[in-house]
C-alpha atoms as a PDB file:
ATOM      1  CA  UNK A   1     -34.219 -66.597 -38.425  1.00  0.00           C
ATOM      2  CA  UNK A   2     -35.152 -62.927 -38.938  1.00  0.00           C
ATOM      3  CA  UNK A   3     -35.917 -62.467 -35.233  1.00  0.00           C
ATOM      4  CA  UNK A   4     -32.208 -63.043 -34.512  1.00  0.00           C
ATOM      5  CA  UNK A   5     -31.100 -60.098 -36.642  1.00  0.00           C
ATOM      6  CA  UNK A   6     -30.104 -56.771 -35.140  1.00  0.00           C
ATOM      7  CA  UNK A   7     -31.928 -53.732 -36.472  1.00  0.00           C
ATOM      8  CA  UNK A   8     -29.975 -51.371 -38.721  1.00  0.00           C
ATOM      9  CA  UNK A   9     -30.864 -48.518 -36.375  1.00  0.00           C
ATOM     10  CA  UNK A  10     -31.553 -48.380 -32.628  1.00  0.00           C
ATOM     11  CA  UNK A  11     -34.914 -49.263 -31.138  1.00  0.00           C
ATOM     12  CA  UNK A  12     -36.046 -45.881 -29.796  1.00  0.00           C
ATOM     13  CA  UNK A  13     -37.346 -46.078 -26.227  1.00  0.00           C
ATOM     14  CA  UNK A  14     -39.929 -43.678 -24.864  1.00  0.00           C
ATOM     15  CA  UNK A  15     -37.166 -41.926 -22.905  1.00  0.00           C
ATOM     16  CA  UNK A  16     -35.123 -41.405 -26.084  1.00  0.00           C
ATOM     17  CA  UNK A  17     -38.029 -40.196 -28.214  1.00  0.00           C
ATOM     18  CA  UNK A  18     -37.886 -36.645 -29.525  1.00  0.00           C
ATOM     19  CA  UNK A  19     -41.043 -34.549 -29.097  1.00  0.00           C
ATOM     20  CA  UNK A  20     -42.105 -35.391 -32.690  1.00  0.00           C
ATOM     21  CA  UNK A  21     -41.595 -39.112 -32.118  1.00  0.00           C
ATOM     22  CA  UNK A  22     -43.314 -38.960 -28.733  1.00  0.00           C
ATOM     23  CA  UNK A  23     -46.333 -37.313 -30.400  1.00  0.00           C
ATOM     24  CA  UNK A  24     -46.607 -40.145 -32.944  1.00  0.00           C
ATOM     25  CA  UNK A  25     -46.175 -42.763 -30.228  1.00  0.00           C
ATOM     26  CA  UNK A  26     -48.958 -41.065 -28.248  1.00  0.00           C
ATOM     27  CA  UNK A  27     -51.229 -41.119 -31.308  1.00  0.00           C
ATOM     28  CA  UNK A  28     -50.472 -44.813 -31.907  1.00  0.00           C
ATOM     29  CA  UNK A  29     -51.358 -45.558 -28.286  1.00  0.00           C
ATOM     30  CA  UNK A  30     -54.580 -43.537 -28.479  1.00  0.00           C
ATOM     31  CA  UNK A  31     -55.646 -44.926 -31.858  1.00  0.00           C
ATOM     32  CA  UNK A  32     -54.915 -48.536 -30.951  1.00  0.00           C
ATOM     33  CA  UNK A  33     -56.104 -48.241 -27.349  1.00  0.00           C
ATOM     34  CA  UNK A  34     -52.891 -49.810 -26.016  1.00  0.00           C
ATOM     35  CA  UNK A  35     -49.660 -48.799 -24.323  1.00  0.00           C
ATOM     36  CA  UNK A  36     -47.663 -51.109 -26.627  1.00  0.00           C
ATOM     37  CA  UNK A  37     -45.522 -49.535 -29.330  1.00  0.00           C
ATOM     38  CA  UNK A  38     -44.002 -52.310 -31.414  1.00  0.00           C
ATOM     39  CA  UNK A  39     -40.440 -52.435 -32.682  1.00  0.00           C
ATOM     40  CA  UNK A  40     -41.434 -51.467 -36.236  1.00  0.00           C
ATOM     41  CA  UNK A  41     -42.459 -47.998 -35.081  1.00  0.00           C
ATOM     42  CA  UNK A  42     -39.546 -47.751 -32.662  1.00  0.00           C
ATOM     43  CA  UNK A  43     -36.973 -48.485 -35.380  1.00  0.00           C
ATOM     44  CA  UNK A  44     -38.433 -46.195 -38.049  1.00  0.00           C
ATOM     45  CA  UNK A  45     -38.601 -43.501 -35.334  1.00  0.00           C
ATOM     46  CA  UNK A  46     -34.928 -42.908 -36.131  1.00  0.00           C
ATOM     47  CA  UNK A  47     -36.334 -40.927 -39.069  1.00  0.00           C
ATOM     48  CA  UNK A  48     -39.190 -38.805 -37.661  1.00  0.00           C
ATOM     49  CA  UNK A  49     -40.342 -37.727 -41.156  1.00  0.00           C
ATOM     50  CA  UNK A  50     -40.680 -41.373 -42.213  1.00  0.00           C
ATOM     51  CA  UNK A  51     -42.384 -42.261 -38.919  1.00  0.00           C
ATOM     52  CA  UNK A  52     -44.973 -39.490 -39.275  1.00  0.00           C
ATOM     53  CA  UNK A  53     -45.665 -40.248 -42.931  1.00  0.00           C
ATOM     54  CA  UNK A  54     -45.884 -44.024 -42.483  1.00  0.00           C
ATOM     55  CA  UNK A  55     -48.095 -43.773 -39.384  1.00  0.00           C
ATOM     56  CA  UNK A  56     -50.438 -41.272 -41.087  1.00  0.00           C
ATOM     57  CA  UNK A  57     -50.824 -43.547 -44.110  1.00  0.00           C
ATOM     58  CA  UNK A  58     -51.306 -46.732 -42.096  1.00  0.00           C
ATOM     59  CA  UNK A  59     -53.703 -45.034 -39.675  1.00  0.00           C
ATOM     60  CA  UNK A  60     -55.802 -43.874 -42.634  1.00  0.00           C
ATOM     61  CA  UNK A  61     -55.712 -47.127 -44.624  1.00  0.00           C
ATOM     62  CA  UNK A  62     -56.330 -49.443 -41.663  1.00  0.00           C
ATOM     63  CA  UNK A  63     -59.133 -47.291 -40.194  1.00  0.00           C
ATOM     64  CA  UNK A  64     -62.700 -48.609 -40.329  1.00  0.00           C
ATOM     65  CA  UNK A  65     -64.098 -48.401 -43.826  1.00  0.00           C
ATOM     66  CA  UNK A  66     -65.853 -50.489 -46.456  1.00  0.00           C
ATOM     67  CA  UNK A  67     -63.553 -53.415 -45.583  1.00  0.00           C
ATOM     68  CA  UNK A  68     -63.782 -54.611 -41.993  1.00  0.00           C
ATOM     69  CA  UNK A  69     -60.733 -54.363 -39.765  1.00  0.00           C
ATOM     70  CA  UNK A  70     -60.028 -58.101 -39.488  1.00  0.00           C
ATOM     71  CA  UNK A  71     -60.177 -58.514 -43.267  1.00  0.00           C
ATOM     72  CA  UNK A  72     -57.704 -55.648 -43.683  1.00  0.00           C
ATOM     73  CA  UNK A  73     -55.284 -57.437 -41.361  1.00  0.00           C
ATOM     74  CA  UNK A  74     -55.772 -60.709 -43.266  1.00  0.00           C
ATOM     75  CA  UNK A  75     -55.034 -58.906 -46.543  1.00  0.00           C
ATOM     76  CA  UNK A  76     -51.949 -57.432 -44.883  1.00  0.00           C
ATOM     77  CA  UNK A  77     -50.860 -60.965 -43.913  1.00  0.00           C
ATOM     78  CA  UNK A  78     -51.335 -62.187 -47.488  1.00  0.00           C
ATOM     79  CA  UNK A  79     -49.257 -59.358 -48.951  1.00  0.00           C
ATOM     80  CA  UNK A  80     -46.636 -59.898 -46.243  1.00  0.00           C
ATOM     81  CA  UNK A  81     -46.402 -63.589 -47.203  1.00  0.00           C
ATOM     82  CA  UNK A  82     -45.905 -62.569 -50.844  1.00  0.00           C
ATOM     83  CA  UNK A  83     -43.205 -60.092 -49.759  1.00  0.00           C
ATOM     84  CA  UNK A  84     -41.616 -62.552 -47.301  1.00  0.00           C
ATOM     85  CA  UNK A  85     -41.916 -60.136 -44.359  1.00  0.00           C
ATOM     86  CA  UNK A  86     -41.877 -62.301 -41.240  1.00  0.00           C
ATOM     87  CA  UNK A  87     -42.313 -59.291 -38.969  1.00  0.00           C
ATOM     88  CA  UNK A  88     -45.459 -58.143 -40.771  1.00  0.00           C
ATOM     89  CA  UNK A  89     -46.880 -61.674 -41.020  1.00  0.00           C
ATOM     90  CA  UNK A  90     -46.545 -62.074 -37.264  1.00  0.00           C
ATOM     91  CA  UNK A  91     -47.736 -58.608 -36.243  1.00  0.00           C
ATOM     92  CA  UNK A  92     -50.803 -58.606 -38.499  1.00  0.00           C
ATOM     93  CA  UNK A  93     -51.681 -62.200 -37.629  1.00  0.00           C
ATOM     94  CA  UNK A  94     -51.636 -61.141 -33.962  1.00  0.00           C
ATOM     95  CA  UNK A  95     -53.748 -58.105 -34.807  1.00  0.00           C
ATOM     96  CA  UNK A  96     -56.245 -60.199 -36.798  1.00  0.00           C
ATOM     97  CA  UNK A  97     -56.558 -62.593 -33.863  1.00  0.00           C
ATOM     98  CA  UNK A  98     -57.494 -59.704 -31.542  1.00  0.00           C
ATOM     99  CA  UNK A  99     -60.258 -58.856 -34.036  1.00  0.00           C
ATOM    100  CA  UNK A 100     -61.689 -62.365 -34.094  1.00  0.00           C
ATOM    101  CA  UNK A 101     -59.571 -64.345 -36.552  1.00  0.00           C
ATOM    102  CA  UNK A 102     -59.523 -68.001 -35.574  1.00  0.00           C
ATOM    103  CA  UNK A 103     -57.153 -70.805 -36.498  1.00  0.00           C
ATOM    104  CA  UNK A 104     -59.703 -71.791 -39.156  1.00  0.00           C
ATOM    105  CA  UNK A 105     -59.580 -68.291 -40.675  1.00  0.00           C
ATOM    106  CA  UNK A 106     -55.793 -68.383 -40.738  1.00  0.00           C
ATOM    107  CA  UNK A 107     -55.607 -71.892 -42.231  1.00  0.00           C
ATOM    108  CA  UNK A 108     -58.058 -70.932 -44.957  1.00  0.00           C
ATOM    109  CA  UNK A 109     -56.124 -67.709 -45.591  1.00  0.00           C
ATOM    110  CA  UNK A 110     -52.911 -69.700 -46.069  1.00  0.00           C
ATOM    111  CA  UNK A 111     -54.699 -72.031 -48.496  1.00  0.00           C
ATOM    112  CA  UNK A 112     -55.943 -69.044 -50.511  1.00  0.00           C
ATOM    113  CA  UNK A 113     -52.447 -67.492 -50.516  1.00  0.00           C
ATOM    114  CA  UNK A 114     -50.947 -70.782 -51.742  1.00  0.00           C
ATOM    115  CA  UNK A 115     -53.580 -71.232 -54.442  1.00  0.00           C
ATOM    116  CA  UNK A 116     -53.257 -67.637 -55.636  1.00  0.00           C
ATOM    117  CA  UNK A 117     -49.482 -67.917 -55.731  1.00  0.00           C
ATOM    118  CA  UNK A 118     -49.662 -71.108 -57.787  1.00  0.00           C
ATOM    119  CA  UNK A 119     -52.227 -69.819 -60.277  1.00  0.00           C
ATOM    120  CA  UNK A 120     -50.455 -66.441 -60.535  1.00  0.00           C
ATOM    121  CA  UNK A 121     -47.208 -68.206 -61.456  1.00  0.00           C
ATOM    122  CA  UNK A 122     -49.001 -70.417 -63.985  1.00  0.00           C
ATOM    123  CA  UNK A 123     -50.677 -67.415 -65.620  1.00  0.00           C
ATOM    124  CA  UNK A 124     -47.359 -65.542 -65.712  1.00  0.00           C
ATOM    125  CA  UNK A 125     -45.349 -68.513 -66.970  1.00  0.00           C
ATOM    126  CA  UNK A 126     -47.882 -69.494 -69.618  1.00  0.00           C
ATOM    127  CA  UNK A 127     -48.452 -65.858 -70.620  1.00  0.00           C
ATOM    128  CA  UNK A 128     -52.218 -66.405 -70.553  1.00  0.00           C
ATOM    129  CA  UNK A 129     -53.943 -63.546 -72.431  1.00  0.00           C
ATOM    130  CA  UNK A 130     -56.466 -61.447 -70.534  1.00  0.00           C
ATOM    131  CA  UNK A 131     -60.101 -62.357 -71.202  1.00  0.00           C
ATOM    132  CA  UNK A 132     -62.208 -59.640 -72.828  1.00  0.00           C
ATOM    133  CA  UNK A 133     -64.725 -60.031 -69.956  1.00  0.00           C
ATOM    134  CA  UNK A 134     -62.071 -58.837 -67.463  1.00  0.00           C
ATOM    135  CA  UNK A 135     -61.215 -55.653 -69.304  1.00  0.00           C
END
């Protein structure tokens, strides 16, 4: 299981964080209104440039907008299923739950993911031409 794997780089603790990393961690805490910094951020903190860039992008994309916050997390779960990212499936499922996602939401999401995967593969395998109405 993926949870049993060791990270390729150390998990950076608050005490080990450089000033740049500490600043990003502080922004994550402030933005998310929590003291918890998950292992994803702590591992990519080994590369402060990557940490800053990734946090800035995610902070922007996941911020309130035309799509509500729970739906964004559910989309993130769907993409994570397609990419086979257990870590992201679990973290964004947990996040969606804090925003109101119920077991019924998550069951329906999994059904949609399964149906989309099946019909995507059929369309790819059968080389179905694009309808003029969709262009």
